[in-house]
All heavy atoms as atom14 arrays in JSON, in Angstrom:
{
  "sequence": "SEALTPEIIAEWRSVLSAERVLEGDHAQKRYG",
  "atom14_mask": [
    [1, 1, 1, 1, 1, 1, 0, 0, 0, 0, 0, 0, 0, 0],
    [1, 1, 1, 1, 1, 1, 1, 1, 1, 0, 0, 0, 0, 0],
    [1, 1, 1, 1, 1, 0, 0, 0, 0, 0, 0, 0, 0, 0],
    [1, 1, 1, 1, 1, 1, 1, 1, 0, 0, 0, 0, 0, 0],
    [1, 1, 1, 1, 1, 1, 1, 0, 0, 0, 0, 0, 0, 0],
    [1, 1, 1, 1, 1, 1, 1, 0, 0, 0, 0, 0, 0, 0],
    [1, 1, 1, 1, 1, 1, 1, 1, 1, 0, 0, 0, 0, 0],
    [1, 1, 1, 1, 1, 1, 1, 1, 0, 0, 0, 0, 0, 0],
    [1, 1, 1, 1, 1, 1, 1, 1, 0, 0, 0, 0, 0, 0],
    [1, 1, 1, 1, 1, 0, 0, 0, 0, 0, 0, 0, 0, 0],
    [1, 1, 1, 1, 1, 1, 1, 1, 1, 0, 0, 0, 0, 0],
    [1, 1, 1, 1, 1, 1, 1, 1, 1, 1, 1, 1, 1, 1],
    [1, 1, 1, 1, 1, 1, 1, 1, 1, 1, 1, 0, 0, 0],
    [1, 1, 1, 1, 1, 1, 0, 0, 0, 0, 0, 0, 0, 0],
    [1, 1, 1, 1, 1, 1, 1, 0, 0, 0, 0, 0, 0, 0],
    [1, 1, 1, 1, 1, 1, 1, 1, 0, 0, 0, 0, 0, 0],
    [1, 1, 1, 1, 1, 1, 0, 0, 0, 0, 0, 0, 0, 0],
    [1, 1, 1, 1, 1, 0, 0, 0, 0, 0, 0, 0, 0, 0],
    [1, 1, 1, 1, 1, 1, 1, 1, 1, 0, 0, 0, 0, 0],
    [1, 1, 1, 1, 1, 1, 1, 1, 1, 1, 1, 0, 0, 0],
    [1, 1, 1, 1, 1, 1, 1, 0, 0, 0, 0, 0, 0, 0],
    [1, 1, 1, 1, 1, 1, 1, 1, 0, 0, 0, 0, 0, 0],
    [1, 1, 1, 1, 1, 1, 1, 1, 1, 0, 0, 0, 0, 0],
    [1, 1, 1, 1, 0, 0, 0, 0, 0, 0, 0, 0, 0, 0],
    [1, 1, 1, 1, 1, 1, 1, 1, 0, 0, 0, 0, 0, 0],
    [1, 1, 1, 1, 1, 1, 1, 1, 1, 1, 0, 0, 0, 0],
    [1, 1, 1, 1, 1, 0, 0, 0, 0, 0, 0, 0, 0, 0],
    [1, 1, 1, 1, 1, 1, 1, 1, 1, 0, 0, 0, 0, 0],
    [1, 1, 1, 1, 1, 1, 1, 1, 1, 0, 0, 0, 0, 0],
    [1, 1, 1, 1, 1, 1, 1, 1, 1, 1, 1, 0, 0, 0],
    [1, 1, 1, 1, 1, 1, 1, 1, 1, 1, 1, 1, 0, 0],
    [1, 1, 1, 1, 0, 0, 0, 0, 0, 0, 0, 0, 0, 0]
  ],
  "atom14_positions": [
    [[4.64, -7.31, 10.49], [3.93, -6.04, 10.62], [2.42, -6.28, 10.53], [1.96, -7.08, 9.76], [4.38, -5.1, 9.51], [3.64, -3.91, 9.56], [0.0, 0.0, 0.0], [0.0, 0.0, 0.0], [0.0, 0.0, 0.0], [0.0, 0.0, 0.0], [0.0, 0.0, 0.0], [0.0, 0.0, 0.0], [0.0, 0.0, 0.0], [0.0, 0.0, 0.0]],
    [[1.66, -5.55, 11.36], [0.2, -5.64, 11.33], [-0.42, -4.5, 10.54], [-1.6, -4.51, 10.25], [-0.35, -5.66, 12.76], [-0.02, -6.94, 13.5], [-0.65, -8.16, 12.85], [-1.82, -8.12, 12.45], [0.05, -9.18, 12.74], [0.0, 0.0, 0.0], [0.0, 0.0, 0.0], [0.0, 0.0, 0.0], [0.0, 0.0, 0.0], [0.0, 0.0, 0.0]],
    [[0.38, -3.47, 10.22], [-0.12, -2.34, 9.45], [1.03, -1.77, 8.64], [2.2, -1.93, 8.98], [-0.69, -1.28, 10.39], [0.0, 0.0, 0.0], [0.0, 0.0, 0.0], [0.0, 0.0, 0.0], [0.0, 0.0, 0.0], [0.0, 0.0, 0.0], [0.0, 0.0, 0.0], [0.0, 0.0, 0.0], [0.0, 0.0, 0.0], [0.0, 0.0, 0.0]],
    [[0.68, -1.09, 7.57], [1.69, -0.46, 6.74], [1.92, 0.96, 7.24], [0.99, 1.75, 7.35], [1.22, -0.43, 5.28], [1.01, -1.79, 4.64], [0.5, -1.63, 3.22], [2.28, -2.6, 4.66], [0.0, 0.0, 0.0], [0.0, 0.0, 0.0], [0.0, 0.0, 0.0], [0.0, 0.0, 0.0], [0.0, 0.0, 0.0], [0.0, 0.0, 0.0]],
    [[3.15, 1.26, 7.56], [3.49, 2.6, 8.03], [3.67, 3.53, 6.83], [3.9, 3.06, 5.7], [4.8, 2.57, 8.83], [5.86, 2.2, 7.95], [4.72, 1.6, 10.01], [0.0, 0.0, 0.0], [0.0, 0.0, 0.0], [0.0, 0.0, 0.0], [0.0, 0.0, 0.0], [0.0, 0.0, 0.0], [0.0, 0.0, 0.0], [0.0, 0.0, 0.0]],
    [[3.6, 4.83, 7.06], [3.86, 5.77, 5.96], [5.25, 5.56, 5.34], [5.41, 5.75, 4.13], [3.75, 7.14, 6.62], [2.83, 6.91, 7.79], [3.15, 5.52, 8.27], [0.0, 0.0, 0.0], [0.0, 0.0, 0.0], [0.0, 0.0, 0.0], [0.0, 0.0, 0.0], [0.0, 0.0, 0.0], [0.0, 0.0, 0.0], [0.0, 0.0, 0.0]],
    [[6.21, 5.15, 6.14], [7.56, 4.9, 5.63], [7.59, 3.72, 4.65], [8.25, 3.79, 3.6], [8.55, 4.66, 6.78], [8.78, 5.85, 7.68], [7.65, 6.09, 8.7], [6.89, 5.15, 9.02], [7.51, 7.25, 9.14], [0.0, 0.0, 0.0], [0.0, 0.0, 0.0], [0.0, 0.0, 0.0], [0.0, 0.0, 0.0], [0.0, 0.0, 0.0]],
    [[6.88, 2.66, 4.99], [6.83, 1.49, 4.1], [6.12, 1.86, 2.8], [6.59, 1.53, 1.71], [6.13, 0.3, 4.79], [6.94, -0.17, 6.01], [5.94, -0.86, 3.81], [6.19, -1.13, 6.91], [0.0, 0.0, 0.0], [0.0, 0.0, 0.0], [0.0, 0.0, 0.0], [0.0, 0.0, 0.0], [0.0, 0.0, 0.0], [0.0, 0.0, 0.0]],
    [[4.99, 2.56, 2.92], [4.25, 3.0, 1.73], [5.16, 3.86, 0.85], [5.21, 3.67, -0.38], [2.98, 3.8, 2.13], [2.01, 2.93, 2.93], [2.31, 4.41, 0.9], [1.38, 1.81, 2.17], [0.0, 0.0, 0.0], [0.0, 0.0, 0.0], [0.0, 0.0, 0.0], [0.0, 0.0, 0.0], [0.0, 0.0, 0.0], [0.0, 0.0, 0.0]],
    [[5.91, 4.76, 1.45], [6.81, 5.63, 0.68], [7.89, 4.81, -0.02], [8.23, 5.08, -1.18], [7.44, 6.67, 1.6], [0.0, 0.0, 0.0], [0.0, 0.0, 0.0], [0.0, 0.0, 0.0], [0.0, 0.0, 0.0], [0.0, 0.0, 0.0], [0.0, 0.0, 0.0], [0.0, 0.0, 0.0], [0.0, 0.0, 0.0], [0.0, 0.0, 0.0]],
    [[8.42, 3.8, 0.66], [9.43, 2.94, 0.02], [8.85, 2.21, -1.18], [9.49, 2.14, -2.24], [9.99, 1.92, 1.03], [11.01, 2.47, 1.98], [11.66, 1.37, 2.79], [12.44, 0.58, 2.21], [11.37, 1.29, 4.01], [0.0, 0.0, 0.0], [0.0, 0.0, 0.0], [0.0, 0.0, 0.0], [0.0, 0.0, 0.0], [0.0, 0.0, 0.0]],
    [[7.66, 1.65, -1.02], [7.03, 0.94, -2.14], [6.7, 1.91, -3.27], [6.83, 1.57, -4.44], [5.8, 0.19, -1.68], [6.15, -1.16, -1.1], [7.24, -1.92, -1.41], [5.42, -1.9, -0.15], [7.22, -3.1, -0.69], [6.11, -3.11, 0.09], [4.24, -1.68, 0.55], [5.67, -4.08, 0.98], [3.8, -2.64, 1.43], [4.51, -3.83, 1.64]],
    [[6.29, 3.13, -2.93], [5.97, 4.11, -3.98], [7.23, 4.64, -4.65], [7.14, 5.26, -5.7], [5.14, 5.24, -3.39], [3.71, 4.79, -3.15], [2.81, 5.9, -2.74], [1.44, 5.39, -2.61], [0.51, 5.96, -1.9], [0.76, 7.08, -1.25], [-0.7, 5.43, -1.83], [0.0, 0.0, 0.0], [0.0, 0.0, 0.0], [0.0, 0.0, 0.0]],
    [[8.39, 4.4, -4.07], [9.63, 4.75, -4.77], [9.93, 3.73, -5.87], [10.72, 3.99, -6.76], [10.81, 4.85, -3.79], [11.2, 3.56, -3.34], [0.0, 0.0, 0.0], [0.0, 0.0, 0.0], [0.0, 0.0, 0.0], [0.0, 0.0, 0.0], [0.0, 0.0, 0.0], [0.0, 0.0, 0.0], [0.0, 0.0, 0.0], [0.0, 0.0, 0.0]],
    [[9.26, 2.58, -5.79], [9.42, 1.52, -6.79], [8.26, 1.53, -7.78], [8.44, 1.39, -8.99], [9.52, 0.13, -6.12], [9.6, -0.98, -7.14], [10.7, 0.08, -5.15], [0.0, 0.0, 0.0], [0.0, 0.0, 0.0], [0.0, 0.0, 0.0], [0.0, 0.0, 0.0], [0.0, 0.0, 0.0], [0.0, 0.0, 0.0], [0.0, 0.0, 0.0]],
    [[7.04, 1.66, -7.26], [5.81, 1.63, -8.07], [5.13, 2.99, -8.04], [5.25, 3.73, -7.07], [4.82, 0.59, -7.51], [5.28, -0.84, -7.35], [4.17, -1.67, -6.72], [5.69, -1.42, -8.69], [0.0, 0.0, 0.0], [0.0, 0.0, 0.0], [0.0, 0.0, 0.0], [0.0, 0.0, 0.0], [0.0, 0.0, 0.0], [0.0, 0.0, 0.0]],
    [[4.36, 3.29, -9.06], [3.56, 4.52, -9.03], [2.49, 4.38, -7.95], [2.12, 3.28, -7.55], [2.93, 4.76, -10.4], [2.12, 3.66, -10.77], [0.0, 0.0, 0.0], [0.0, 0.0, 0.0], [0.0, 0.0, 0.0], [0.0, 0.0, 0.0], [0.0, 0.0, 0.0], [0.0, 0.0, 0.0], [0.0, 0.0, 0.0], [0.0, 0.0, 0.0]],
    [[1.99, 5.51, -7.48], [1.05, 5.53, -6.36], [-0.18, 4.65, -6.59], [-0.64, 3.97, -5.67], [0.61, 6.98, -6.07], [0.0, 0.0, 0.0], [0.0, 0.0, 0.0], [0.0, 0.0, 0.0], [0.0, 0.0, 0.0], [0.0, 0.0, 0.0], [0.0, 0.0, 0.0], [0.0, 0.0, 0.0], [0.0, 0.0, 0.0], [0.0, 0.0, 0.0]],
    [[-0.71, 4.62, -7.83], [-1.92, 3.82, -8.08], [-1.66, 2.32, -8.07], [-2.59, 1.53, -8.06], [-2.61, 4.23, -9.39], [-1.87, 3.87, -10.65], [-0.83, 4.91, -11.1], [-0.68, 5.94, -10.43], [-0.18, 4.65, -12.12], [0.0, 0.0, 0.0], [0.0, 0.0, 0.0], [0.0, 0.0, 0.0], [0.0, 0.0, 0.0], [0.0, 0.0, 0.0]],
    [[-0.39, 1.92, -8.04], [-0.05, 0.48, -7.98], [0.34, 0.04, -6.57], [0.79, -1.08, -6.37], [1.04, 0.15, -8.98], [0.54, 0.33, -10.42], [1.46, -0.25, -11.45], [2.71, 0.48, -11.58], [3.9, -0.11, -11.73], [4.01, -1.41, -11.8], [4.98, 0.63, -11.84], [0.0, 0.0, 0.0], [0.0, 0.0, 0.0], [0.0, 0.0, 0.0]],
    [[0.14, 0.91, -5.58], [0.33, 0.57, -4.17], [-1.0, 0.8, -3.48], [-1.46, 1.93, -3.35], [1.43, 1.44, -3.5], [1.55, 1.1, -2.02], [2.77, 1.27, -4.21], [0.0, 0.0, 0.0], [0.0, 0.0, 0.0], [0.0, 0.0, 0.0], [0.0, 0.0, 0.0], [0.0, 0.0, 0.0], [0.0, 0.0, 0.0], [0.0, 0.0, 0.0]],
    [[-1.66, -0.28, -3.09], [-2.99, -0.2, -2.47], [-2.87, -0.34, -0.97], [-2.15, -1.2, -0.47], [-3.89, -1.3, -3.02], [-3.97, -1.43, -4.55], [-4.88, -2.58, -4.93], [-4.42, -0.14, -5.18], [0.0, 0.0, 0.0], [0.0, 0.0, 0.0], [0.0, 0.0, 0.0], [0.0, 0.0, 0.0], [0.0, 0.0, 0.0], [0.0, 0.0, 0.0]],
    [[-3.61, 0.49, -0.26], [-3.57, 0.46, 1.2], [-4.86, -0.09, 1.76], [-5.89, -0.08, 1.1], [-3.33, 1.87, 1.74], [-2.01, 2.47, 1.3], [-1.84, 3.88, 1.83], [-1.94, 4.06, 3.05], [-1.61, 4.79, 1.01], [0.0, 0.0, 0.0], [0.0, 0.0, 0.0], [0.0, 0.0, 0.0], [0.0, 0.0, 0.0], [0.0, 0.0, 0.0]],
    [[-4.79, -0.58, 3.0], [-5.91, -1.0, 3.84], [-7.2, -1.38, 3.16], [-7.33, -2.43, 2.53], [0.0, 0.0, 0.0], [0.0, 0.0, 0.0], [0.0, 0.0, 0.0], [0.0, 0.0, 0.0], [0.0, 0.0, 0.0], [0.0, 0.0, 0.0], [0.0, 0.0, 0.0], [0.0, 0.0, 0.0], [0.0, 0.0, 0.0], [0.0, 0.0, 0.0]],
    [[-8.22, -0.52, 3.34], [-9.58, -0.82, 2.86], [-9.63, -1.02, 1.35], [-10.4, -1.85, 0.87], [-10.55, 0.3, 3.26], [-10.81, 0.34, 4.76], [-10.55, -0.68, 5.43], [-11.26, 1.39, 5.24], [0.0, 0.0, 0.0], [0.0, 0.0, 0.0], [0.0, 0.0, 0.0], [0.0, 0.0, 0.0], [0.0, 0.0, 0.0], [0.0, 0.0, 0.0]],
    [[-8.84, -0.26, 0.62], [-8.83, -0.4, -0.85], [-8.35, -1.8, -1.23], [-8.96, -2.47, -2.08], [-7.94, 0.68, -1.47], [-8.04, 0.75, -2.95], [-8.52, 1.85, -3.61], [-7.74, -0.15, -3.91], [-8.5, 1.62, -4.91], [-8.03, 0.42, -5.12], [0.0, 0.0, 0.0], [0.0, 0.0, 0.0], [0.0, 0.0, 0.0], [0.0, 0.0, 0.0]],
    [[-7.27, -2.26, -0.6], [-6.75, -3.61, -0.87], [-7.75, -4.67, -0.4], [-7.97, -5.67, -1.09], [-5.4, -3.8, -0.19], [0.0, 0.0, 0.0], [0.0, 0.0, 0.0], [0.0, 0.0, 0.0], [0.0, 0.0, 0.0], [0.0, 0.0, 0.0], [0.0, 0.0, 0.0], [0.0, 0.0, 0.0], [0.0, 0.0, 0.0], [0.0, 0.0, 0.0]],
    [[-8.34, -4.46, 0.76], [-9.31, -5.43, 1.3], [-10.48, -5.58, 0.35], [-10.92, -6.7, 0.06], [-9.8, -4.98, 2.67], [-10.71, -5.98, 3.35], [-9.98, -7.24, 3.79], [-8.9, -7.17, 4.36], [-10.56, -8.39, 3.52], [0.0, 0.0, 0.0], [0.0, 0.0, 0.0], [0.0, 0.0, 0.0], [0.0, 0.0, 0.0], [0.0, 0.0, 0.0]],
    [[-10.98, -4.47, -0.17], [-12.12, -4.53, -1.08], [-11.76, -5.24, -2.38], [-12.54, -6.03, -2.91], [-12.62, -3.11, -1.38], [-13.87, -3.06, -2.21], [-14.38, -1.64, -2.35], [-15.67, -1.64, -3.16], [-16.22, -0.3, -3.3], [0.0, 0.0, 0.0], [0.0, 0.0, 0.0], [0.0, 0.0, 0.0], [0.0, 0.0, 0.0], [0.0, 0.0, 0.0]],
    [[-10.57, -4.97, -2.88], [-10.16, -5.56, -4.17], [-9.85, -7.05, -4.06], [-10.17, -7.82, -4.96], [-8.94, -4.82, -4.7], [-8.48, -5.32, -6.05], [-7.55, -4.37, -6.7], [-7.11, -4.87, -7.99], [-6.56, -4.11, -8.91], [-6.4, -2.83, -8.7], [-6.17, -4.63, -10.05], [0.0, 0.0, 0.0], [0.0, 0.0, 0.0], [0.0, 0.0, 0.0]],
    [[-9.22, -7.48, -2.96], [-8.74, -8.86, -2.86], [-9.4, -9.69, -1.77], [-9.1, -10.87, -1.63], [-7.22, -8.87, -2.62], [-6.44, -8.15, -3.69], [-5.79, -6.95, -3.42], [-6.36, -8.67, -4.97], [-5.07, -6.29, -4.41], [-5.65, -8.02, -5.97], [-5.0, -6.83, -5.67], [-4.3, -6.18, -6.65], [0.0, 0.0, 0.0], [0.0, 0.0, 0.0]],
    [[-10.28, -9.13, -0.98], [-10.8, -9.8, 0.2], [-11.9, -10.82, -0.02], [-12.16, -11.63, 0.85], [0.0, 0.0, 0.0], [0.0, 0.0, 0.0], [0.0, 0.0, 0.0], [0.0, 0.0, 0.0], [0.0, 0.0, 0.0], [0.0, 0.0, 0.0], [0.0, 0.0, 0.0], [0.0, 0.0, 0.0], [0.0, 0.0, 0.0], [0.0, 0.0, 0.0]]
  ]
}
């Protein structure tokens, strides 16, 4: 996958709380 779909994000958020699932720019800034 080249991008995270809303479905994938929703699956991960069913496991982790929303603040523990980072998307796109937020993840890039934190780990890039």
